C-alpha atoms as a PDB file:
ATOM      1  CA  UNK A   1      -0.059   0.001   0.375  1.00  0.00           C
ATOM      2  CA  UNK A   2       1.685   3.778  -1.120  1.00  0.00           C
ATOM      3  CA  UNK A   3       2.226   5.980   1.369  1.00  0.00           C
ATOM      4  CA  UNK A   4       2.609   9.523   0.679  1.00  0.00           C
ATOM      5  CA  UNK A   5       2.884  12.503   2.137  1.00  0.00           C
ATOM      6  CA  UNK A   6      -0.251  13.927   1.637  1.00  0.00           C
ATOM      7  CA  UNK A   7      -1.771  11.076   3.521  1.00  0.00           C
ATOM      8  CA  UNK A   8      -3.033  10.725   7.217  1.00  0.00           C
ATOM      9  CA  UNK A   9      -0.246  10.372   9.271  1.00  0.00           C
ATOM     10  CA  UNK A  10       2.876  11.810   7.401  1.00  0.00           C
ATOM     11  CA  UNK A  11       2.657  14.771   9.701  1.00  0.00           C
ATOM     12  CA  UNK A  12       3.829  12.849  12.284  1.00  0.00           C
ATOM     13  CA  UNK A  13       6.161  10.894  10.350  1.00  0.00           C
ATOM     14  CA  UNK A  14       7.778  14.651   9.603  1.00  0.00           C
ATOM     15  CA  UNK A  15       8.109  15.148  13.237  1.00  0.00           C
ATOM     16  CA  UNK A  16       9.993  11.977  14.224  1.00  0.00           C
ATOM     17  CA  UNK A  17      12.072  11.769  11.650  1.00  0.00           C
ATOM     18  CA  UNK A  18      13.374  15.242  12.470  1.00  0.00           C
ATOM     19  CA  UNK A  19      14.066  13.713  16.404  1.00  0.00           C
ATOM     20  CA  UNK A  20      15.382  10.665  15.319  1.00  0.00           C
ATOM     21  CA  UNK A  21      18.915   9.884  15.482  1.00  0.00           C
ATOM     22  CA  UNK A  22      18.786   7.862  12.559  1.00  0.00           C
ATOM     23  CA  UNK A  23      16.856  10.099  10.407  1.00  0.00           C
ATOM     24  CA  UNK A  24      14.541   6.847   9.485  1.00  0.00           C
ATOM     25  CA  UNK A  25      11.993   7.841   6.869  1.00  0.00           C
ATOM     26  CA  UNK A  26      13.735  11.496   6.489  1.00  0.00           C
ATOM     27  CA  UNK A  27      12.280  11.843   3.032  1.00  0.00           C
ATOM     28  CA  UNK A  28       8.561  12.257   4.090  1.00  0.00           C
ATOM     29  CA  UNK A  29       7.943  15.211   2.033  1.00  0.00           C
ATOM     30  CA  UNK A  30       9.550  13.059  -1.140  1.00  0.00           C
ATOM     31  CA  UNK A  31       8.381  10.241  -2.725  1.00  0.00           C
ATOM     32  CA  UNK A  32      11.239   8.232  -1.149  1.00  0.00           C
ATOM     33  CA  UNK A  33       8.284   8.230   1.783  1.00  0.00           C
ATOM     34  CA  UNK A  34       6.859   5.048  -0.179  1.00  0.00           C
ATOM     35  CA  UNK A  35       9.391   2.979   0.620  1.00  0.00           C
ATOM     36  CA  UNK A  36       9.204  -0.193   3.885  1.00  0.00           C
ATOM     37  CA  UNK A  37       9.703   1.666   6.539  1.00  0.00           C
ATOM     38  CA  UNK A  38       7.404   4.773   6.470  1.00  0.00           C
ATOM     39  CA  UNK A  39       4.681   2.621   4.678  1.00  0.00           C
ATOM     40  CA  UNK A  40       4.957  -0.142   7.254  1.00  0.00           C
ATOM     41  CA  UNK A  41       4.211   3.199   9.843  1.00  0.00           C
ATOM     42  CA  UNK A  42       1.702   4.625   7.944  1.00  0.00           C
ATOM     43  CA  UNK A  43      -0.113   0.950   8.212  1.00  0.00           C
ATOM     44  CA  UNK A  44       0.467   0.644  11.368  1.00  0.00           C
ATOM     45  CA  UNK A  45      -1.341   3.665  11.910  1.00  0.00           C
ATOM     46  CA  UNK A  46      -4.691   3.289  10.220  1.00  0.00           C
ATOM     47  CA  UNK A  47      -4.669   0.040  11.931  1.00  0.00           C
ATOM     48  CA  UNK A  48      -4.655   1.599  15.416  1.00  0.00           C
ATOM     49  CA  UNK A  49      -6.625   3.948  14.540  1.00  0.00           C
ATOM     50  CA  UNK A  50      -9.419   1.646  13.875  1.00  0.00           C
ATOM     51  CA  UNK A  51      -8.725  -0.252  16.636  1.00  0.00           C
ATOM     52  CA  UNK A  52      -9.205   2.930  18.792  1.00  0.00           C
ATOM     53  CA  UNK A  53     -12.352   4.003  16.676  1.00  0.00           C
ATOM     54  CA  UNK A  54     -13.934   0.587  17.029  1.00  0.00           C
ATOM     55  CA  UNK A  55     -13.944   0.548  21.409  1.00  0.00           C
ATOM     56  CA  UNK A  56     -14.842   4.205  20.799  1.00  0.00           C
ATOM     57  CA  UNK A  57     -17.920   3.023  19.404  1.00  0.00           C
ATOM     58  CA  UNK A  58     -18.632   0.677  21.649  1.00  0.00           C
ATOM     59  CA  UNK A  59     -18.591   2.886  24.889  1.00  0.00           C
ATOM     60  CA  UNK A  60     -21.052   5.165  23.023  1.00  0.00           C
ATOM     61  CA  UNK A  61     -22.825   3.251  21.590  1.00  0.00           C
ATOM     62  CA  UNK A  62     -23.647   0.769  25.181  1.00  0.00           C
ATOM     63  CA  UNK A  63     -24.184   4.505  27.086  1.00  0.00           C
ATOM     64  CA  UNK A  64     -25.817   6.681  25.136  1.00  0.00           C
ATOM     65  CA  UNK A  65     -28.238   3.733  23.378  1.00  0.00           C
ATOM     66  CA  UNK A  66     -27.334   4.609  20.034  1.00  0.00           C
ATOM     67  CA  UNK A  67     -24.888   4.170  16.894  1.00  0.00           C
ATOM     68  CA  UNK A  68     -22.740   7.231  16.415  1.00  0.00           C
ATOM     69  CA  UNK A  69     -19.962   5.014  14.382  1.00  0.00           C
ATOM     70  CA  UNK A  70     -19.606   8.462  11.794  1.00  0.00           C
ATOM     71  CA  UNK A  71     -19.279  10.789  15.232  1.00  0.00           C
ATOM     72  CA  UNK A  72     -16.513   8.426  17.045  1.00  0.00           C
ATOM     73  CA  UNK A  73     -14.400   7.395  13.748  1.00  0.00           C
ATOM     74  CA  UNK A  74     -14.072  11.114  12.828  1.00  0.00           C
ATOM     75  CA  UNK A  75     -13.294  12.233  16.488  1.00  0.00           C
ATOM     76  CA  UNK A  76     -10.313   9.706  16.530  1.00  0.00           C
ATOM     77  CA  UNK A  77      -9.168  10.210  12.564  1.00  0.00           C
ATOM     78  CA  UNK A  78      -9.469  13.730  11.669  1.00  0.00           C
ATOM     79  CA  UNK A  79      -8.748  13.258   7.837  1.00  0.00           C
ATOM     80  CA  UNK A  80      -5.511  14.597   5.985  1.00  0.00           C
ATOM     81  CA  UNK A  81      -5.727  18.050   7.075  1.00  0.00           C
ATOM     82  CA  UNK A  82      -3.786  16.759  10.438  1.00  0.00           C
ATOM     83  CA  UNK A  83      -3.280  13.304  10.017  1.00  0.00           C
ATOM     84  CA  UNK A  84      -3.665  11.156  12.886  1.00  0.00           C
ATOM     85  CA  UNK A  85      -4.925  12.686  16.273  1.00  0.00           C
ATOM     86  CA  UNK A  86      -1.947  12.513  18.235  1.00  0.00           C
ATOM     87  CA  UNK A  87      -3.880  14.068  21.233  1.00  0.00           C
ATOM     88  CA  UNK A  88      -6.097  11.128  21.476  1.00  0.00           C
ATOM     89  CA  UNK A  89      -3.316   8.580  20.153  1.00  0.00           C
ATOM     90  CA  UNK A  90      -1.209  10.149  23.762  1.00  0.00           C
ATOM     91  CA  UNK A  91      -3.989  10.401  25.664  1.00  0.00           C
ATOM     92  CA  UNK A  92      -5.355   6.333  25.367  1.00  0.00           C
ATOM     93  CA  UNK A  93      -6.163   5.678  29.199  1.00  0.00           C
ATOM     94  CA  UNK A  94      -5.193   2.271  29.797  1.00  0.00           C
ATOM     95  CA  UNK A  95      -8.565   0.356  29.605  1.00  0.00           C
ATOM     96  CA  UNK A  96      -8.352   0.863  26.065  1.00  0.00           C
ATOM     97  CA  UNK A  97      -5.311  -0.979  25.433  1.00  0.00           C
ATOM     98  CA  UNK A  98      -6.757  -3.659  27.413  1.00  0.00           C
ATOM     99  CA  UNK A  99      -9.374  -3.709  25.065  1.00  0.00           C
ATOM    100  CA  UNK A 100      -7.230  -3.905  22.133  1.00  0.00           C
ATOM    101  CA  UNK A 101      -5.214  -6.506  23.410  1.00  0.00           C
ATOM    102  CA  UNK A 102      -8.010  -8.850  24.198  1.00  0.00           C
ATOM    103  CA  UNK A 103      -9.343  -7.783  20.647  1.00  0.00           C
ATOM    104  CA  UNK A 104      -6.072  -8.494  18.745  1.00  0.00           C
ATOM    105  CA  UNK A 105      -4.081 -10.852  20.881  1.00  0.00           C
ATOM    106  CA  UNK A 106      -6.811 -13.144  23.613  1.00  0.00           C
ATOM    107  CA  UNK A 107      -9.440 -13.842  20.845  1.00  0.00           C
ATOM    108  CA  UNK A 108     -11.566 -11.087  22.450  1.00  0.00           C
ATOM    109  CA  UNK A 109     -11.761 -12.704  25.278  1.00  0.00           C
ATOM    110  CA  UNK A 110     -12.679 -10.154  28.500  1.00  0.00           C
ATOM    111  CA  UNK A 111      -9.463 -11.065  31.249  1.00  0.00           C
ATOM    112  CA  UNK A 112      -6.827 -12.017  28.459  1.00  0.00           C
ATOM    113  CA  UNK A 113      -4.910  -9.159  29.178  1.00  0.00           C
ATOM    114  CA  UNK A 114      -4.633  -6.663  31.943  1.00  0.00           C
ATOM    115  CA  UNK A 115      -2.372  -3.189  33.694  1.00  0.00           C
ATOM    116  CA  UNK A 116       0.147  -3.669  35.669  1.00  0.00           C
ATOM    117  CA  UNK A 117       0.902  -0.490  37.206  1.00  0.00           C
ATOM    118  CA  UNK A 118       2.866   1.415  40.469  1.00  0.00           C
ATOM    119  CA  UNK A 119       0.534   4.196  39.817  1.00  0.00           C
ATOM    120  CA  UNK A 120      -2.218   2.470  42.184  1.00  0.00           C
ATOM    121  CA  UNK A 121      -0.418   3.478  44.812  1.00  0.00           C
ATOM    122  CA  UNK A 122       0.015   7.012  44.265  1.00  0.00           C
ATOM    123  CA  UNK A 123      -3.714   6.520  43.437  1.00  0.00           C
ATOM    124  CA  UNK A 124      -4.599   4.895  47.374  1.00  0.00           C
ATOM    125  CA  UNK A 125      -2.550   8.216  48.221  1.00  0.00           C
ATOM    126  CA  UNK A 126      -3.566  10.932  45.818  1.00  0.00           C
ATOM    127  CA  UNK A 127      -7.483  10.118  46.567  1.00  0.00           C
ATOM    128  CA  UNK A 128      -7.741   8.094  50.144  1.00  0.00           C
ATOM    129  CA  UNK A 129     -11.829   6.654  49.604  1.00  0.00           C
ATOM    130  CA  UNK A 130     -11.566   6.372  46.028  1.00  0.00           C
ATOM    131  CA  UNK A 131     -11.771   2.434  44.774  1.00  0.00           C
ATOM    132  CA  UNK A 132      -8.271   2.624  42.685  1.00  0.00           C
ATOM    133  CA  UNK A 133      -8.667  -0.348  41.212  1.00  0.00           C
ATOM    134  CA  UNK A 134     -11.924   0.747  39.621  1.00  0.00           C
ATOM    135  CA  UNK A 135     -10.198   4.210  38.497  1.00  0.00           C
ATOM    136  CA  UNK A 136      -7.619   2.534  36.629  1.00  0.00           C
ATOM    137  CA  UNK A 137     -10.096  -0.029  34.556  1.00  0.00           C
ATOM    138  CA  UNK A 138     -12.588   2.707  34.035  1.00  0.00           C
ATOM    139  CA  UNK A 139     -13.455   2.998  30.360  1.00  0.00           C
ATOM    140  CA  UNK A 140     -13.078   6.297  29.392  1.00  0.00           C
ATOM    141  CA  UNK A 141     -14.897   7.699  26.004  1.00  0.00           C
ATOM    142  CA  UNK A 142     -11.860   9.518  24.474  1.00  0.00           C
ATOM    143  CA  UNK A 143     -14.596  12.166  23.678  1.00  0.00           C
ATOM    144  CA  UNK A 144     -14.555  13.079  26.896  1.00  0.00           C
ATOM    145  CA  UNK A 145     -10.903  12.614  28.375  1.00  0.00           C
ATOM    146  CA  UNK A 146      -9.038  14.999  25.611  1.00  0.00           C
ATOM    147  CA  UNK A 147     -11.476  18.504  26.900  1.00  0.00           C
ATOM    148  CA  UNK A 148     -11.170  17.302  30.671  1.00  0.00           C
ATOM    149  CA  UNK A 149      -7.187  17.503  29.687  1.00  0.00           C
ATOM    150  CA  UNK A 150      -7.543  20.219  28.339  1.00  0.00           C
ATOM    151  CA  UNK A 151      -9.459  22.179  30.970  1.00  0.00           C
ATOM    152  CA  UNK A 152      -7.846  20.819  34.195  1.00  0.00           C
ATOM    153  CA  UNK A 153      -4.895  23.941  33.531  1.00  0.00           C
ATOM    154  CA  UNK A 154      -6.795  26.528  33.402  1.00  0.00           C
ATOM    155  CA  UNK A 155      -9.964  25.431  35.779  1.00  0.00           C
ATOM    156  CA  UNK A 156     -13.669  23.766  35.038  1.00  0.00           C
ATOM    157  CA  UNK A 157     -16.398  26.903  33.902  1.00  0.00           C
ATOM    158  CA  UNK A 158     -19.782  26.639  34.847  1.00  0.00           C
ATOM    159  CA  UNK A 159     -20.766  26.021  31.213  1.00  0.00           C
ATOM    160  CA  UNK A 160     -17.733  23.231  31.137  1.00  0.00           C
ATOM    161  CA  UNK A 161     -19.406  21.261  34.416  1.00  0.00           C
ATOM    162  CA  UNK A 162     -23.235  21.276  32.951  1.00  0.00           C
ATOM    163  CA  UNK A 163     -21.954  19.570  29.606  1.00  0.00           C
ATOM    164  CA  UNK A 164     -19.940  17.043  31.181  1.00  0.00           C
ATOM    165  CA  UNK A 165     -21.884  15.890  33.414  1.00  0.00           C
ATOM    166  CA  UNK A 166     -25.123  16.003  31.326  1.00  0.00           C
ATOM    167  CA  UNK A 167     -23.187  12.842  29.503  1.00  0.00           C
ATOM    168  CA  UNK A 168     -23.760   9.561  29.357  1.00  0.00           C
ATOM    169  CA  UNK A 169     -20.333   8.691  28.610  1.00  0.00           C
ATOM    170  CA  UNK A 170     -19.661  10.529  31.542  1.00  0.00           C
ATOM    171  CA  UNK A 171     -21.268   8.667  34.418  1.00  0.00           C
ATOM    172  CA  UNK A 172     -19.629   6.255  35.088  1.00  0.00           C
ATOM    173  CA  UNK A 173     -16.338   7.445  35.578  1.00  0.00           C
ATOM    174  CA  UNK A 174     -18.347  10.427  37.998  1.00  0.00           C
ATOM    175  CA  UNK A 175     -20.010   7.293  40.250  1.00  0.00           C
ATOM    176  CA  UNK A 176     -15.912   6.470  41.350  1.00  0.00           C
ATOM    177  CA  UNK A 177     -15.192  10.014  42.229  1.00  0.00           C
ATOM    178  CA  UNK A 178     -16.289  11.439  45.723  1.00  0.00           C
ATOM    179  CA  UNK A 179     -17.894  14.568  46.231  1.00  0.00           C
ATOM    180  CA  UNK A 180     -21.904  15.608  46.698  1.00  0.00           C
ATOM    181  CA  UNK A 181     -22.176  17.638  42.841  1.00  0.00           C
ATOM    182  CA  UNK A 182     -20.424  17.185  39.730  1.00  0.00           C
ATOM    183  CA  UNK A 183     -17.999  19.842  40.408  1.00  0.00           C
ATOM    184  CA  UNK A 184     -16.868  18.660  43.192  1.00  0.00           C
ATOM    185  CA  UNK A 185     -16.178  15.367  41.630  1.00  0.00           C
ATOM    186  CA  UNK A 186     -14.377  17.058  38.929  1.00  0.00           C
ATOM    187  CA  UNK A 187     -12.568  19.011  41.071  1.00  0.00           C
ATOM    188  CA  UNK A 188     -10.203  15.484  42.040  1.00  0.00           C
ATOM    189  CA  UNK A 189      -9.852  14.852  37.914  1.00  0.00           C
ATOM    190  CA  UNK A 190      -6.024  16.880  38.714  1.00  0.00           C
ATOM    191  CA  UNK A 191      -5.297  14.054  41.667  1.00  0.00           C
ATOM    192  CA  UNK A 192      -6.736  11.163  38.798  1.00  0.00           C
ATOM    193  CA  UNK A 193      -4.399  11.665  36.301  1.00  0.00           C
ATOM    194  CA  UNK A 194      -1.658  12.069  38.087  1.00  0.00           C
ATOM    195  CA  UNK A 195      -2.565   8.929  39.504  1.00  0.00           C
ATOM    196  CA  UNK A 196      -2.741   7.217  35.948  1.00  0.00           C
ATOM    197  CA  UNK A 197      -0.108   9.233  33.740  1.00  0.00           C
ATOM    198  CA  UNK A 198       2.834   9.735  36.497  1.00  0.00           C
ATOM    199  CA  UNK A 199       5.419   7.167  37.233  1.00  0.00           C
ATOM    200  CA  UNK A 200       6.013   5.824  40.308  1.00  0.00           C
ATOM    201  CA  UNK A 201       9.077   7.036  42.828  1.00  0.00           C
ATOM    202  CA  UNK A 202       9.523   3.663  43.757  1.00  0.00           C
ATOM    203  CA  UNK A 203      12.679   2.378  42.088  1.00  0.00           C
ATOM    204  CA  UNK A 204      12.544  -0.939  43.405  1.00  0.00           C
ATOM    205  CA  UNK A 205       8.573  -1.415  42.809  1.00  0.00           C
ATOM    206  CA  UNK A 206       9.111  -0.331  39.053  1.00  0.00           C
ATOM    207  CA  UNK A 207      12.066  -3.114  38.924  1.00  0.00           C
ATOM    208  CA  UNK A 208       9.466  -5.428  40.340  1.00  0.00           C
ATOM    209  CA  UNK A 209       6.820  -4.195  37.861  1.00  0.00           C
ATOM    210  CA  UNK A 210       9.043  -4.581  34.881  1.00  0.00           C
ATOM    211  CA  UNK A 211      10.094  -8.144  35.410  1.00  0.00           C
ATOM    212  CA  UNK A 212       6.549  -9.164  35.098  1.00  0.00           C
ATOM    213  CA  UNK A 213       6.639  -7.125  31.996  1.00  0.00           C
ATOM    214  CA  UNK A 214       9.018  -8.943  30.539  1.00  0.00           C
ATOM    215  CA  UNK A 215       7.876 -12.510  32.039  1.00  0.00           C
ATOM    216  CA  UNK A 216       4.596 -11.759  29.838  1.00  0.00           C
ATOM    217  CA  UNK A 217       4.233 -12.893  26.190  1.00  0.00           C
ATOM    218  CA  UNK A 218       3.534  -9.121  25.015  1.00  0.00           C
ATOM    219  CA  UNK A 219       3.307  -5.903  27.112  1.00  0.00           C
ATOM    220  CA  UNK A 220       2.798  -2.743  26.133  1.00  0.00           C
ATOM    221  CA  UNK A 221       4.171  -0.194  27.719  1.00  0.00           C
ATOM    222  CA  UNK A 222       2.494   3.553  28.810  1.00  0.00           C
ATOM    223  CA  UNK A 223       5.498   5.470  29.017  1.00  0.00           C
ATOM    224  CA  UNK A 224       7.401   8.422  29.009  1.00  0.00           C
ATOM    225  CA  UNK A 225       8.194   9.433  25.193  1.00  0.00           C
ATOM    226  CA  UNK A 226      11.489  11.778  26.334  1.00  0.00           C
ATOM    227  CA  UNK A 227      12.831   7.990  27.365  1.00  0.00           C
ATOM    228  CA  UNK A 228      13.126   7.443  23.538  1.00  0.00           C
ATOM    229  CA  UNK A 229      15.901   9.594  23.577  1.00  0.00           C
ATOM    230  CA  UNK A 230      17.862   9.094  26.989  1.00  0.00           C
ATOM    231  CA  UNK A 231      15.923  11.601  28.999  1.00  0.00           C
ATOM    232  CA  UNK A 232      13.689  10.298  31.797  1.00  0.00           C
ATOM    233  CA  UNK A 233      10.627  11.844  32.779  1.00  0.00           C
ATOM    234  CA  UNK A 234       7.665  11.232  34.954  1.00  0.00           C
ATOM    235  CA  UNK A 235       5.044  12.117  33.210  1.00  0.00           C
ATOM    236  CA  UNK A 236       3.479   9.392  30.791  1.00  0.00           C
ATOM    237  CA  UNK A 237       1.805  10.080  27.413  1.00  0.00           C
ATOM    238  CA  UNK A 238       3.176   7.310  24.789  1.00  0.00           C
ATOM    239  CA  UNK A 239       2.354   3.771  24.538  1.00  0.00           C
ATOM    240  CA  UNK A 240       4.697   1.430  22.956  1.00  0.00           C
ATOM    241  CA  UNK A 241       5.241  -2.341  22.309  1.00  0.00           C
ATOM    242  CA  UNK A 242       8.480  -3.608  25.103  1.00  0.00           C
ATOM    243  CA  UNK A 243       9.856  -5.856  21.843  1.00  0.00           C
ATOM    244  CA  UNK A 244      12.994  -7.417  24.617  1.00  0.00           C
ATOM    245  CA  UNK A 245      14.323  -7.456  27.602  1.00  0.00           C
ATOM    246  CA  UNK A 246      18.657  -8.032  27.736  1.00  0.00           C
ATOM    247  CA  UNK A 247      20.431  -7.366  30.595  1.00  0.00           C
ATOM    248  CA  UNK A 248      21.977  -4.247  30.402  1.00  0.00           C
ATOM    249  CA  UNK A 249      19.043  -2.438  28.101  1.00  0.00           C
ATOM    250  CA  UNK A 250      15.204  -2.813  27.335  1.00  0.00           C
ATOM    251  CA  UNK A 251      14.452  -3.002  23.084  1.00  0.00           C
ATOM    252  CA  UNK A 252      11.079  -1.548  22.616  1.00  0.00           C
ATOM    253  CA  UNK A 253       9.342  -0.909  19.224  1.00  0.00           C
ATOM    254  CA  UNK A 254       7.504   2.962  18.808  1.00  0.00           C
ATOM    255  CA  UNK A 255       6.332   4.524  15.493  1.00  0.00           C
ATOM    256  CA  UNK A 256       7.729   1.230  13.562  1.00  0.00           C
ATOM    257  CA  UNK A 257      10.842   1.990  14.643  1.00  0.00           C
ATOM    258  CA  UNK A 258      13.068  -0.242  17.886  1.00  0.00           C
ATOM    259  CA  UNK A 259      15.577   1.437  19.731  1.00  0.00           C
ATOM    260  CA  UNK A 260      17.719   0.539  23.069  1.00  0.00           C
ATOM    261  CA  UNK A 261      16.475   2.366  26.424  1.00  0.00           C
ATOM    262  CA  UNK A 262      18.867   1.987  29.102  1.00  0.00           C
ATOM    263  CA  UNK A 263      16.967   0.354  31.737  1.00  0.00           C
ATOM    264  CA  UNK A 264      17.652   2.715  34.711  1.00  0.00           C
ATOM    265  CA  UNK A 265      15.603   5.588  32.106  1.00  0.00           C
ATOM    266  CA  UNK A 266      12.711   3.043  30.843  1.00  0.00           C
ATOM    267  CA  UNK A 267      12.246   2.276  34.491  1.00  0.00           C
ATOM    268  CA  UNK A 268      11.843   5.777  35.861  1.00  0.00           C
ATOM    269  CA  UNK A 269       9.488   6.817  33.039  1.00  0.00           C
ATOM    270  CA  UNK A 270       7.100   4.023  32.949  1.00  0.00           C
ATOM    271  CA  UNK A 271       4.052   3.712  34.307  1.00  0.00           C
ATOM    272  CA  UNK A 272       2.658   1.069  33.498  1.00  0.00           C
ATOM    273  CA  UNK A 273       2.137  -1.457  30.643  1.00  0.00           C
ATOM    274  CA  UNK A 274      -0.483  -4.005  29.311  1.00  0.00           C
ATOM    275  CA  UNK A 275       0.163  -7.382  30.012  1.00  0.00           C
ATOM    276  CA  UNK A 276      -0.597 -10.682  27.563  1.00  0.00           C
ATOM    277  CA  UNK A 277       0.145 -14.118  28.811  1.00  0.00           C
END
C-alpha cells in the first residue's frame, strides 16, 4: 500500500524523522516516503486508529443507547488535513489498550490482558477512599477525556461542568469519584490524572513491575516519550511495545522503529504496561 506525504500520518512522520538519530523516514515530503519503513508505519497507524475508533464506538453505543459510529471515527481520524490525532493517541487510557489487546491477541476474551502498574499506590495516596482498582479499569470515552485534560490547567467553568455532567458517557467515571455534585467530583481530576499518568518514585517497585512485563508474551508500555531519546521523565503520554528485555537495556518498538533504552531510564519513565499471557 503506498504511503505519501498527503496521507494521514505523514505530518507525524515528519516530526519523528526530524527527531530520530538515524533519520529514518527522513524523506517524508518526497517520493521515497513510500519505501518500506514509512509504508509500514502508515499501515500501523491505520490499524491502531481503527481499533481505537472501534472501542470508542462501543462505549458511545453502550452508554448513549444509539449508534454514533461516524462521529466516533471522525473524532479519532480527522482526515488528511491534520493526520492522525496524536492528542487522542497519546491520551489513551489503560483500559482502552487492554481492550485492544484482548481483541488483537486474546481472541476477544475478557481478562486475557491486564494492566500492570505501580500507579495504584499513588492513587490511594492522592485519592483516599476511591476504588483505585476500578479507576484504573475505567473505560473512558476519548471524546470526554481530551476536553477534561485540556480544561484542568485553566479550571472548569460552570458551563463546562454542566456539559460534562450531562454526558451519559461520563456517568460511570463520575460515579467513582467522591463529591456531592459534578463540580466537586471534577475537582478531583488533577489527582486522577496524576495517579494514572505519573511514574512511581519507588525504583524497587518499578523494577519488579518490569520483571512481570518481561515475563509476559507481549507488553505495551505506558511511558514518557522523552525516554526514547535517553531522558527520563515522570509524565506518561505514549504507548509503545516492549520488544525485548536484555541484561543492560530494553528494546522497544515505537512508530515502526526499534530503539534501545537503558534500563534505569525506561524503568523510571514507565507508569505501567498492558500484558498478554
